[in-house]
Amino acid sequence: MSVLKTTILGTAASLAVLSVAQAADLPMKAKAVEYVKVCSLYGAGFYYIPGTDTCIKIGGAIRLDTAFNGGTYDTPFWQGGAGGNNLWTKDNYTTRERINLTTDTRTATDYGVVRTYANIQFDFLQNRESIAGGYTEVDYAFIQFAGFTFGKAVSQFDPQWTLSRPFISSGFNAGSFNATGIAQIAYTASFGNGVSGTISLENASPYRNAGLWNTNTFITGPGASTFTGTFYGSSSNSFLGNSYGGNQMPDVVGNLRLDQAWGTLHLGAAMHTITPGFYAGTENTGHANNSYGFAVTGAVEFKNLPTGTGDSLKLEASYGKGAAKYIFGGTTDVIGGGRYNKVNGDTVGFGYVLDGVFAPGGQIIQSEAWQISAFYEHYWNPAWRTSVFGNYSQISYGDGNAQMLAAFQGVGAGGPGFNSSSAAAARAGTFAGTGNFDLALAQIGTRTAWTPVRNLTLSAQFTYSRLDQNLNGTYTTNAGGMLGKPAGTVLQTQDQNLYNGAVQILRSF
């Protein structure tokens, strides 16, 4: 009996051990998969990053543009080159393809929401890139925390609806330029009932520094080749004739805002530092003193007008002294210093957008500029909408006009009226006559957009521009100066008209 009992107990023990061993070989239950969850705290499109309390929204767009009788940003042919000189060889149309990618992250903390935002563009422009080339730009990249904004964002000088102006592209002049953001450190305080105020330090280079002309040096003349290379655009204020020094202090910018259901009210101001270069290229020749300009702006937006659901009216007015780029914006000139030029037959209209001018031994004479803009958009129905917009911008140089006129007339032996030893650096021609370099630009346009399905918009736009200049006389071209024009060509100065348009397909996601 004892033998049988021992056998049974041994068998049971063996089975128990075998059972444990087999159980050890069985697969364990996997941990639960952490699925992406919707974050409803900050609006549609946000999701929690798995394993964190941070919400992220990823978006972007594909944008296809074609401009007619204008540049790739639907910019009128104001500069030199084949377009501004109205040559047979100009492009009647230009095209651009853009990929836009955005990321927006937000995390709730004891100090409020921490936000990061980035907007990256991948562009291809015909006649600029190789067959499969293109370029990348970072339009916005900023961090917001506890009321502070650090990085590249819309300037605090401008109303926050500046990026939603109802036109296709930024070739339309309407106040300062924000399409690619302004580097800044800003602090915003909220006072309740929709009232807030912001103070910021903003990097003026390159978008806020208009040109500064030492009138004893050459300046890129009307009709010369477009602003590229050493003449313009490859770096901040690199156009021929610019005498800006380095950035010695940032622009100081502030605003007060009121945000309500009916719309917004915005008041902004900026102090702008103008730092000149040397009188004659080296430090022993001396330099003018720093000059301090300023700009002020007022803007209002009215939403949901009685004319229809979604209709809006935006109005804006600005004034600047020694701060011309706060007034003349758009992509006509995006890297400081400006030139307007249009040839039509045997006539030419031209002028410059500069912060100021000076002569050796003298001080900076600041320009004065102002502008008014209006934008109205009407929804015919949820799919169709039409906008009408207009702008008038004006700049004057006061006592600086005498120096500018003398420089263009070649007053003084060896002065700017004589050719440089370098053909590329020679001024394009000589002006003979009276008047001044004050100029004004008037523009009016309209856009109609159709959204057949959500986030797909097809639009078409037409713009009329008029350049009013104040020179009365003739402009005679130098050898190789005005692209496509023979040396000795005589053009009568005259106001100019220009018409351009664009079409666009935009798919956002």
Protein backbone atom coordinates (compact mmCIF):
# COMPACT_ATOMS: atom_id res chain seq x y z
CA MET A 1 0.00 0.00 0.00
CA SER A 2 2.80 2.30 0.90
CA VAL A 3 4.47 1.53 -2.44
CA LEU A 4 1.28 2.41 -4.32
CA LYS A 5 0.91 5.62 -2.30
CA THR A 6 4.48 6.62 -3.02
CA THR A 7 4.01 5.95 -6.73
CA ILE A 8 0.85 8.06 -6.91
CA LEU A 9 2.41 10.98 -5.05
CA GLY A 10 5.52 10.84 -7.23
CA THR A 11 3.47 10.82 -10.39
CA ALA A 12 1.44 13.81 -9.16
CA ALA A 13 4.59 15.72 -8.36
CA SER A 14 6.03 14.99 -11.78
CA LEU A 15 2.84 16.18 -13.48
CA ALA A 16 2.90 19.36 -11.40
CA VAL A 17 6.49 20.10 -12.41
CA LEU A 18 5.70 19.35 -16.05
CA SER A 19 2.66 21.61 -15.86
CA VAL A 20 4.74 24.48 -14.50
CA ALA A 21 7.38 23.98 -17.18
CA GLN A 22 4.79 24.00 -19.94
CA ALA A 23 3.16 27.10 -18.48
CA ALA A 24 6.53 28.84 -18.58
CA ASP A 25 6.71 28.12 -22.28
CA LEU A 26 3.31 29.66 -23.01
CA PRO A 27 3.35 33.21 -24.51
CA MET A 28 2.68 36.01 -22.00
CA LYS A 29 -0.18 38.46 -22.63
CA ALA A 30 1.14 41.48 -24.56
CA LYS A 31 0.95 44.98 -23.09
CA ALA A 32 -1.91 47.09 -24.38
CA VAL A 33 -1.07 49.08 -27.50
CA GLU A 34 -1.04 52.86 -26.79
CA TYR A 35 -3.21 54.23 -29.56
CA VAL A 36 -3.09 57.85 -30.74
CA LYS A 37 -5.87 59.78 -29.04
CA VAL A 38 -7.71 62.87 -30.23
CA CYS A 39 -6.84 66.08 -28.34
CA SER A 40 -9.89 68.34 -28.20
CA LEU A 41 -8.30 71.10 -26.09
CA TYR A 42 -7.03 73.26 -28.95
CA GLY A 43 -9.47 72.71 -31.79
CA ALA A 44 -9.78 70.26 -34.65
CA GLY A 45 -6.78 68.35 -35.96
CA PHE A 46 -4.81 67.92 -32.73
CA TYR A 47 -3.71 64.52 -31.37
CA TYR A 48 -1.80 63.45 -28.28
CA ILE A 49 1.75 62.36 -28.96
CA PRO A 50 1.74 58.78 -27.56
CA GLY A 51 3.15 58.57 -24.06
CA THR A 52 2.98 62.34 -23.47
CA ASP A 53 0.50 65.06 -22.58
CA THR A 54 1.60 67.12 -25.62
CA CYS A 55 -0.85 67.68 -28.46
CA ILE A 56 0.35 68.04 -32.05
CA LYS A 57 -1.23 69.15 -35.30
CA ILE A 58 0.50 68.43 -38.61
CA GLY A 59 -0.70 70.21 -41.72
CA GLY A 60 0.34 71.80 -44.95
CA ALA A 61 -0.64 72.60 -48.52
CA ILE A 62 0.24 72.17 -52.17
CA ARG A 63 0.09 75.52 -53.98
CA LEU A 64 0.40 76.06 -57.74
CA ASP A 65 0.66 79.63 -59.08
CA THR A 66 0.82 81.17 -62.54
CA ALA A 67 1.33 84.92 -62.92
CA PHE A 68 0.73 86.93 -66.10
CA ASN A 69 2.79 90.02 -66.97
CA GLY A 70 4.39 89.77 -63.53
CA GLY A 71 6.86 87.94 -61.37
CA THR A 72 6.44 84.61 -59.63
CA TYR A 73 4.75 86.16 -56.60
CA ASP A 74 2.29 87.96 -58.87
CA THR A 75 4.53 90.99 -58.52
CA PRO A 76 4.23 93.71 -61.19
CA PHE A 77 7.31 94.15 -63.41
CA TRP A 78 8.63 97.17 -61.49
CA GLN A 79 12.34 96.39 -61.39
CA GLY A 80 14.74 96.37 -64.33
CA GLY A 81 15.42 93.37 -66.52
CA ALA A 82 13.33 92.31 -69.48
CA GLY A 83 10.02 92.76 -67.64
CA GLY A 84 10.56 96.25 -66.21
CA ASN A 85 12.19 97.39 -69.46
CA ASN A 86 9.26 95.95 -71.43
CA LEU A 87 11.51 94.01 -73.80
CA TRP A 88 10.50 91.44 -76.40
CA THR A 89 12.50 88.88 -74.40
CA LYS A 90 10.43 89.21 -71.22
CA ASP A 91 8.36 86.33 -69.84
CA ASN A 92 4.66 86.81 -70.48
CA TYR A 93 3.91 84.38 -67.67
CA THR A 94 5.79 82.78 -64.77
CA THR A 95 5.00 79.71 -62.66
CA ARG A 96 5.71 78.51 -59.14
CA GLU A 97 5.05 75.23 -57.31
CA ARG A 98 5.12 75.15 -53.51
CA ILE A 99 4.89 72.47 -50.83
CA ASN A 100 4.04 73.81 -47.39
CA LEU A 101 4.46 71.79 -44.17
CA THR A 102 3.45 72.96 -40.67
CA THR A 103 3.72 71.55 -37.16
CA ASP A 104 1.94 72.97 -34.12
CA THR A 105 2.51 71.49 -30.64
CA ARG A 106 0.86 72.54 -27.37
CA THR A 107 1.32 71.39 -23.78
CA ALA A 108 -0.69 72.58 -20.77
CA THR A 109 1.55 73.62 -17.84
CA ASP A 110 1.30 75.55 -14.58
CA TYR A 111 2.51 78.60 -16.52
CA GLY A 112 -0.06 78.27 -19.28
CA VAL A 113 0.21 76.57 -22.64
CA VAL A 114 3.68 75.96 -24.10
CA ARG A 115 3.39 76.18 -27.87
CA THR A 116 5.84 75.56 -30.71
CA TYR A 117 5.10 76.30 -34.35
CA ALA A 118 7.06 75.81 -37.56
CA ASN A 119 6.21 76.48 -41.20
CA ILE A 120 8.60 75.16 -43.87
CA GLN A 121 8.28 75.82 -47.61
CA PHE A 122 9.69 73.83 -50.51
CA ASP A 123 9.55 75.93 -53.67
CA PHE A 124 10.30 75.50 -57.34
CA LEU A 125 10.38 78.62 -59.51
CA GLN A 126 10.77 78.36 -63.27
CA ASN A 127 13.83 80.21 -64.60
CA ARG A 128 15.38 80.17 -61.14
CA GLU A 129 15.91 76.46 -60.41
CA SER A 130 17.44 73.55 -62.28
CA ILE A 131 15.06 71.00 -63.80
CA ALA A 132 14.63 69.13 -60.52
CA GLY A 133 15.98 71.82 -58.21
CA GLY A 134 14.13 74.07 -55.85
CA TYR A 135 14.88 75.65 -52.51
CA THR A 136 13.72 75.49 -48.91
CA GLU A 137 12.72 78.37 -46.69
CA VAL A 138 11.67 78.57 -43.05
CA ASP A 139 8.85 81.08 -42.90
CA TYR A 140 7.91 80.68 -39.24
CA ALA A 141 9.61 79.02 -36.27
CA PHE A 142 8.71 80.17 -32.78
CA ILE A 143 8.09 79.10 -29.18
CA GLN A 144 5.41 80.68 -26.99
CA PHE A 145 5.51 80.34 -23.20
CA ALA A 146 4.03 82.33 -20.30
CA GLY A 147 3.14 85.27 -22.56
CA PHE A 148 6.50 85.30 -24.37
CA THR A 149 7.12 84.68 -28.08
CA PHE A 150 10.63 83.70 -29.16
CA GLY A 151 11.55 83.23 -32.83
CA LYS A 152 10.25 84.00 -36.30
CA ALA A 153 6.62 85.16 -36.22
CA VAL A 154 4.31 87.88 -37.53
CA SER A 155 5.65 91.28 -36.48
CA GLN A 156 3.92 92.80 -33.48
CA PHE A 157 3.67 96.02 -35.51
CA ASP A 158 1.03 94.49 -37.75
CA PRO A 159 -2.52 93.26 -37.12
CA GLN A 160 -2.61 89.50 -36.67
CA TRP A 161 -4.95 89.18 -39.67
CA THR A 162 -2.16 90.40 -41.94
CA LEU A 163 -1.66 86.87 -43.34
CA SER A 164 -5.35 86.50 -44.22
CA ARG A 165 -5.58 89.46 -46.55
CA PRO A 166 -7.87 88.33 -49.38
CA PHE A 167 -5.48 88.24 -52.33
CA ILE A 168 -3.47 85.51 -54.00
CA SER A 169 0.05 86.68 -53.44
CA SER A 170 2.18 89.37 -51.86
CA GLY A 171 3.12 91.39 -54.93
CA PHE A 172 0.43 93.82 -53.81
CA ASN A 173 1.79 96.68 -51.68
CA ALA A 174 -0.16 96.96 -48.44
CA GLY A 175 1.84 97.97 -45.40
CA SER A 176 4.79 96.00 -44.10
CA PHE A 177 5.86 92.53 -45.16
CA ASN A 178 5.21 89.47 -42.95
CA ALA A 179 4.89 86.50 -45.30
CA THR A 180 8.09 84.96 -43.95
CA GLY A 181 8.00 86.23 -40.37
CA ILE A 182 10.23 88.58 -38.38
CA ALA A 183 12.72 87.29 -35.78
CA GLN A 184 11.69 88.65 -32.37
CA ILE A 185 11.43 88.38 -28.60
CA ALA A 186 8.00 89.58 -27.49
CA TYR A 187 5.85 89.63 -24.38
CA THR A 188 2.06 89.87 -24.51
CA ALA A 189 -0.10 90.82 -21.53
CA SER A 190 -3.88 90.24 -21.50
CA PHE A 191 -6.01 92.75 -19.58
CA GLY A 192 -9.38 91.02 -19.99
CA ASN A 193 -12.42 91.70 -22.19
CA GLY A 194 -10.33 91.09 -25.31
CA VAL A 195 -7.77 93.81 -24.55
CA SER A 196 -4.08 92.96 -24.82
CA GLY A 197 -0.75 94.68 -25.27
CA THR A 198 2.62 93.51 -26.59
CA ILE A 199 6.17 94.81 -26.47
CA SER A 200 8.88 93.23 -28.63
CA LEU A 201 12.45 93.49 -29.86
CA GLU A 202 12.61 92.61 -33.57
CA ASN A 203 15.50 91.96 -35.94
CA ALA A 204 15.38 94.69 -38.59
CA SER A 205 17.56 92.79 -41.06
CA PRO A 206 16.70 92.32 -43.75
CA TYR A 207 13.01 93.10 -44.07
CA ARG A 208 12.83 96.35 -42.06
CA ASN A 209 15.99 97.97 -43.45
CA ALA A 210 15.19 99.91 -46.60
CA GLY A 211 18.21 101.23 -48.46
CA LEU A 212 20.40 104.07 -47.24
CA TRP A 213 22.11 105.93 -50.09
CA ASN A 214 25.44 107.71 -49.84
CA THR A 215 24.84 110.04 -52.79
CA ASN A 216 28.55 110.21 -53.62
CA THR A 217 28.42 106.57 -54.71
CA PHE A 218 26.70 104.72 -57.54
CA ILE A 219 23.23 103.30 -57.04
CA THR A 220 21.52 100.65 -59.15
CA GLY A 221 19.90 102.72 -61.86
CA PRO A 222 16.49 102.34 -63.46
CA GLY A 223 16.45 99.64 -66.09
CA ALA A 224 19.65 97.97 -64.95
CA SER A 225 19.60 94.19 -64.51
CA THR A 226 17.45 92.86 -61.68
CA PHE A 227 18.62 92.91 -58.07
CA THR A 228 20.81 89.80 -57.90
CA GLY A 229 24.27 88.82 -56.81
CA THR A 230 26.42 91.69 -55.59
CA PHE A 231 23.80 94.18 -56.67
CA TYR A 232 20.84 92.97 -54.65
CA GLY A 233 19.28 90.15 -52.74
CA SER A 234 21.97 87.58 -51.93
CA SER A 235 22.40 89.05 -48.45
CA SER A 236 20.85 91.81 -46.39
CA ASN A 237 20.94 95.15 -48.19
CA SER A 238 23.53 94.10 -50.74
CA PHE A 239 22.25 96.21 -53.62
CA LEU A 240 24.67 98.56 -55.34
CA GLY A 241 24.71 101.94 -53.61
CA ASN A 242 23.42 100.83 -50.21
CA SER A 243 25.34 102.29 -47.28
CA TYR A 244 23.68 100.60 -44.33
CA GLY A 245 26.02 99.52 -41.55
CA GLY A 246 25.45 96.57 -39.22
CA ASN A 247 22.50 96.00 -36.92
CA GLN A 248 23.56 97.79 -33.75
CA MET A 249 20.24 97.46 -31.96
CA PRO A 250 16.90 95.77 -32.67
CA ASP A 251 13.73 97.63 -33.56
CA VAL A 252 11.51 98.27 -30.54
CA VAL A 253 7.89 97.46 -31.39
CA GLY A 254 4.67 97.64 -29.39
CA ASN A 255 0.93 97.28 -29.90
CA LEU A 256 -2.46 97.47 -28.25
CA ARG A 257 -5.25 95.16 -29.46
CA LEU A 258 -8.95 94.71 -28.94
CA ASP A 259 -10.44 91.38 -30.06
CA GLN A 260 -14.22 91.06 -30.09
CA ALA A 261 -16.88 89.02 -31.85
CA TRP A 262 -17.49 91.92 -34.26
CA GLY A 263 -13.80 92.12 -35.23
CA THR A 264 -10.49 93.56 -34.07
CA LEU A 265 -8.85 96.92 -33.46
CA HIS A 266 -5.07 97.24 -33.61
CA LEU A 267 -2.66 100.10 -32.86
CA GLY A 268 1.08 99.59 -33.39
CA ALA A 269 4.32 101.58 -33.23
CA ALA A 270 8.00 100.90 -33.91
CA MET A 271 11.35 102.60 -33.38
CA HIS A 272 13.86 101.84 -36.15
CA THR A 273 17.63 102.41 -36.02
CA ILE A 274 19.45 103.55 -39.18
CA THR A 275 23.17 102.78 -38.94
CA PRO A 276 25.22 104.22 -41.83
CA GLY A 277 28.43 102.94 -43.39
CA PHE A 278 31.58 104.97 -43.85
CA TYR A 279 31.65 108.09 -45.99
CA ALA A 280 34.25 106.65 -48.36
CA GLY A 281 34.54 102.96 -47.54
CA THR A 282 37.14 103.00 -44.73
CA GLU A 283 36.91 103.98 -41.08
CA ASN A 284 39.37 106.87 -41.36
CA THR A 285 36.90 108.69 -43.65
CA GLY A 286 34.33 108.91 -40.86
CA HIS A 287 30.58 108.26 -40.92
CA ALA A 288 27.29 109.93 -40.22
CA ASN A 289 25.65 109.48 -36.82
CA ASN A 290 23.06 106.81 -36.20
CA SER A 291 19.59 108.07 -36.99
CA TYR A 292 16.39 106.90 -35.32
CA GLY A 293 13.22 106.55 -37.33
CA PHE A 294 9.76 105.47 -36.32
CA ALA A 295 6.50 104.12 -37.71
CA VAL A 296 2.91 104.00 -36.45
CA THR A 297 -0.09 102.06 -37.73
CA GLY A 298 -3.79 101.68 -37.05
CA ALA A 299 -5.96 98.84 -38.36
CA VAL A 300 -9.51 97.57 -37.90
CA GLU A 301 -11.34 94.46 -39.07
CA PHE A 302 -15.13 94.09 -39.22
CA LYS A 303 -16.47 90.53 -39.41
CA ASN A 304 -19.82 89.08 -40.51
CA LEU A 305 -21.08 92.23 -42.17
CA PRO A 306 -24.75 92.76 -42.99
CA THR A 307 -23.86 92.06 -46.63
CA GLY A 308 -23.54 88.33 -45.89
CA THR A 309 -22.26 85.57 -43.64
CA GLY A 310 -18.47 85.46 -43.66
CA ASP A 311 -18.10 88.91 -45.27
CA SER A 312 -15.33 91.08 -43.86
CA LEU A 313 -13.84 94.57 -44.22
CA LYS A 314 -10.24 95.35 -43.26
CA LEU A 315 -8.80 98.90 -43.13
CA GLU A 316 -5.24 99.95 -42.37
CA ALA A 317 -3.19 103.17 -42.37
CA SER A 318 0.50 103.66 -41.54
CA TYR A 319 3.06 106.47 -41.34
CA GLY A 320 6.84 106.20 -41.11
CA LYS A 321 9.80 108.55 -40.91
CA GLY A 322 13.14 106.90 -41.59
CA ALA A 323 11.33 103.53 -41.58
CA ALA A 324 10.14 103.09 -45.17
CA LYS A 325 9.83 99.29 -45.10
CA TYR A 326 7.11 99.50 -42.46
CA ILE A 327 5.10 101.27 -45.16
CA PHE A 328 6.17 99.75 -48.50
CA GLY A 329 5.81 96.00 -48.09
CA GLY A 330 5.04 93.09 -50.38
CA THR A 331 7.54 91.04 -52.33
CA THR A 332 8.42 93.82 -54.76
CA ASP A 333 11.45 94.21 -52.52
CA VAL A 334 12.09 91.65 -49.80
CA ILE A 335 15.72 92.15 -48.82
CA GLY A 336 16.04 95.86 -48.09
CA GLY A 337 16.42 98.83 -50.37
CA GLY A 338 13.94 99.39 -53.14
CA ARG A 339 13.67 100.46 -56.73
CA TYR A 340 10.63 101.03 -58.90
CA ASN A 341 11.17 101.18 -62.64
CA LYS A 342 8.90 100.83 -65.66
CA VAL A 343 9.73 101.51 -69.31
CA ASN A 344 6.95 101.96 -71.86
CA GLY A 345 8.00 102.84 -75.39
CA ASP A 346 10.13 105.97 -75.19
CA THR A 347 9.07 106.82 -71.62
CA VAL A 348 10.26 105.69 -68.18
CA GLY A 349 9.01 106.14 -64.64
CA PHE A 350 11.30 105.35 -61.73
CA GLY A 351 12.02 106.00 -58.07
CA TYR A 352 13.38 104.49 -54.87
CA VAL A 353 12.15 103.38 -51.46
CA LEU A 354 14.93 104.29 -49.00
CA ASP A 355 15.15 105.05 -45.29
CA GLY A 356 17.23 108.09 -46.11
CA VAL A 357 20.16 109.64 -47.95
CA PHE A 358 23.38 111.39 -46.95
CA ALA A 359 26.48 112.95 -48.52
CA PRO A 360 30.10 112.76 -47.28
CA GLY A 361 30.53 114.94 -44.21
CA GLY A 362 26.78 115.21 -43.71
CA GLN A 363 24.11 113.52 -41.66
CA ILE A 364 21.24 111.26 -42.70
CA ILE A 365 18.16 112.95 -44.14
CA GLN A 366 15.25 110.63 -43.38
CA SER A 367 12.46 109.85 -45.82
CA GLU A 368 8.79 110.17 -44.92
CA ALA A 369 6.22 107.61 -46.09
CA TRP A 370 2.58 106.75 -45.54
CA GLN A 371 0.01 104.30 -46.86
CA ILE A 372 -3.67 103.42 -46.64
CA SER A 373 -5.15 100.01 -47.53
CA ALA A 374 -8.62 98.51 -47.69
CA PHE A 375 -9.81 94.92 -48.25
CA TYR A 376 -13.42 93.81 -48.67
CA GLU A 377 -14.46 90.20 -49.22
CA HIS A 378 -18.00 88.99 -50.01
CA TYR A 379 -19.29 85.40 -49.94
CA TRP A 380 -21.84 84.79 -52.66
CA ASN A 381 -22.40 81.37 -51.13
CA PRO A 382 -20.22 78.96 -49.10
CA ALA A 383 -18.31 77.94 -52.26
CA TRP A 384 -17.82 81.31 -54.02
CA ARG A 385 -16.32 84.54 -52.75
CA THR A 386 -14.96 87.75 -54.31
CA SER A 387 -12.64 90.36 -52.82
CA VAL A 388 -11.83 93.93 -53.82
CA PHE A 389 -8.71 95.61 -52.43
CA GLY A 390 -6.82 98.86 -52.87
CA ASN A 391 -3.72 100.63 -51.60
CA TYR A 392 -2.05 104.02 -51.93
CA SER A 393 1.59 104.36 -50.78
CA GLN A 394 3.69 107.52 -50.93
CA ILE A 395 7.31 108.42 -50.06
CA SER A 396 9.10 111.79 -50.03
CA TYR A 397 12.69 112.84 -49.36
CA GLY A 398 12.47 116.53 -48.43
CA ASP A 399 15.89 118.16 -48.42
CA GLY A 400 17.44 114.88 -49.57
CA ASN A 401 15.97 115.44 -53.02
CA ALA A 402 18.65 117.99 -53.88
CA GLN A 403 21.43 115.48 -53.17
CA MET A 404 19.68 112.71 -55.13
CA LEU A 405 19.04 114.97 -58.11
CA ALA A 406 22.64 116.19 -58.17
CA ALA A 407 23.92 112.60 -58.06
CA PHE A 408 21.79 111.54 -61.03
CA GLN A 409 22.85 114.60 -63.01
CA GLY A 410 26.53 113.80 -62.41
CA VAL A 411 27.36 117.01 -60.58
CA GLY A 412 31.01 117.18 -59.48
CA ALA A 413 34.16 115.94 -61.18
CA GLY A 414 34.54 112.22 -60.75
CA GLY A 415 31.13 112.05 -59.14
CA PRO A 416 28.43 109.47 -59.75
CA GLY A 417 27.66 111.00 -63.15
CA PHE A 418 30.83 109.39 -64.52
CA ASN A 419 31.26 105.74 -65.44
CA SER A 420 32.97 103.45 -63.00
CA SER A 421 36.02 101.48 -64.14
CA SER A 422 33.79 98.42 -63.86
CA ALA A 423 31.12 98.18 -66.54
CA ALA A 424 28.87 96.23 -64.19
CA ALA A 425 29.07 98.97 -61.58
CA ALA A 426 28.42 101.84 -63.98
CA ARG A 427 25.21 103.69 -63.38
CA ALA A 428 22.60 102.86 -66.01
CA GLY A 429 22.26 106.43 -67.27
CA THR A 430 22.00 110.14 -66.49
CA PHE A 431 18.93 112.22 -65.72
CA ALA A 432 18.61 115.75 -67.14
CA GLY A 433 15.73 117.86 -65.94
CA THR A 434 13.92 119.12 -62.87
CA GLY A 435 11.62 117.75 -60.20
CA ASN A 436 12.27 115.41 -57.27
CA PHE A 437 12.42 111.75 -56.29
CA ASP A 438 9.16 111.69 -54.35
CA LEU A 439 6.91 108.93 -55.68
CA ALA A 440 3.57 107.28 -55.07
CA LEU A 441 2.12 103.91 -55.97
CA ALA A 442 -1.61 103.32 -56.35
CA GLN A 443 -3.00 99.80 -56.73
CA ILE A 444 -6.44 98.24 -56.98
CA GLY A 445 -7.33 94.62 -57.58
CA THR A 446 -9.93 91.90 -57.29
CA ARG A 447 -9.88 88.15 -56.67
CA THR A 448 -12.59 85.52 -57.09
CA ALA A 449 -12.15 82.16 -55.38
CA TRP A 450 -14.09 78.90 -55.74
CA THR A 451 -13.97 76.11 -53.17
CA PRO A 452 -15.79 73.15 -54.78
CA VAL A 453 -14.82 70.78 -51.96
CA ARG A 454 -13.39 71.35 -48.53
CA ASN A 455 -9.74 72.54 -48.50
CA LEU A 456 -9.48 72.85 -52.30
CA THR A 457 -9.58 76.39 -53.69
CA LEU A 458 -9.19 77.69 -57.24
CA SER A 459 -8.81 81.45 -57.62
CA ALA A 460 -8.06 84.16 -60.18
CA GLN A 461 -6.87 87.71 -59.59
CA PHE A 462 -6.38 90.95 -61.52
CA THR A 463 -4.36 93.98 -60.35
CA TYR A 464 -3.93 97.48 -61.78
CA SER A 465 -0.99 99.62 -60.60
CA ARG A 466 -0.01 103.21 -61.30
CA LEU A 467 3.38 104.74 -60.55
CA ASP A 468 3.25 108.50 -59.96
CA GLN A 469 6.71 110.05 -60.15
CA ASN A 470 7.85 113.68 -59.97
CA LEU A 471 10.79 113.89 -62.35
CA ASN A 472 10.41 116.10 -65.42
CA GLY A 473 13.05 115.57 -68.06
CA THR A 474 14.97 112.85 -69.88
CA TYR A 475 16.95 109.80 -68.88
CA THR A 476 19.81 108.85 -71.24
CA THR A 477 21.22 105.35 -70.98
CA ASN A 478 24.90 104.52 -70.62
CA ALA A 479 26.68 101.73 -72.49
CA GLY A 480 25.53 98.41 -71.08
CA GLY A 481 23.55 100.16 -68.37
CA MET A 482 19.88 99.56 -69.14
CA LEU A 483 19.33 95.94 -70.09
CA GLY A 484 18.32 95.58 -73.74
CA LYS A 485 18.56 99.30 -74.50
CA PRO A 486 21.33 100.70 -76.72
CA ALA A 487 23.67 103.27 -75.23
CA GLY A 488 22.38 106.79 -75.77
CA THR A 489 18.69 105.81 -75.68
CA VAL A 490 16.73 108.88 -74.53
CA LEU A 491 13.62 108.23 -72.46
CA GLN A 492 11.15 110.84 -71.28
CA THR A 493 10.22 110.56 -67.58
CA GLN A 494 6.50 109.94 -67.18
CA ASP A 495 3.96 108.27 -64.86
CA GLN A 496 3.41 104.61 -65.68
CA ASN A 497 0.53 102.11 -65.62
CA LEU A 498 0.85 98.35 -65.26
CA TYR A 499 -1.60 95.45 -65.39
CA ASN A 500 -0.96 91.94 -64.10
CA GLY A 501 -2.90 88.89 -62.95
CA ALA A 502 -2.59 85.42 -61.53
CA VAL A 503 -4.37 82.09 -61.10
CA GLN A 504 -3.84 79.61 -58.27
CA ILE A 505 -4.81 76.12 -57.15
CA LEU A 506 -4.46 75.50 -53.40
CA ARG A 507 -4.99 72.16 -51.66
CA SER A 508 -4.55 72.35 -47.92
CA PHE A 509 -4.63 69.54 -45.37
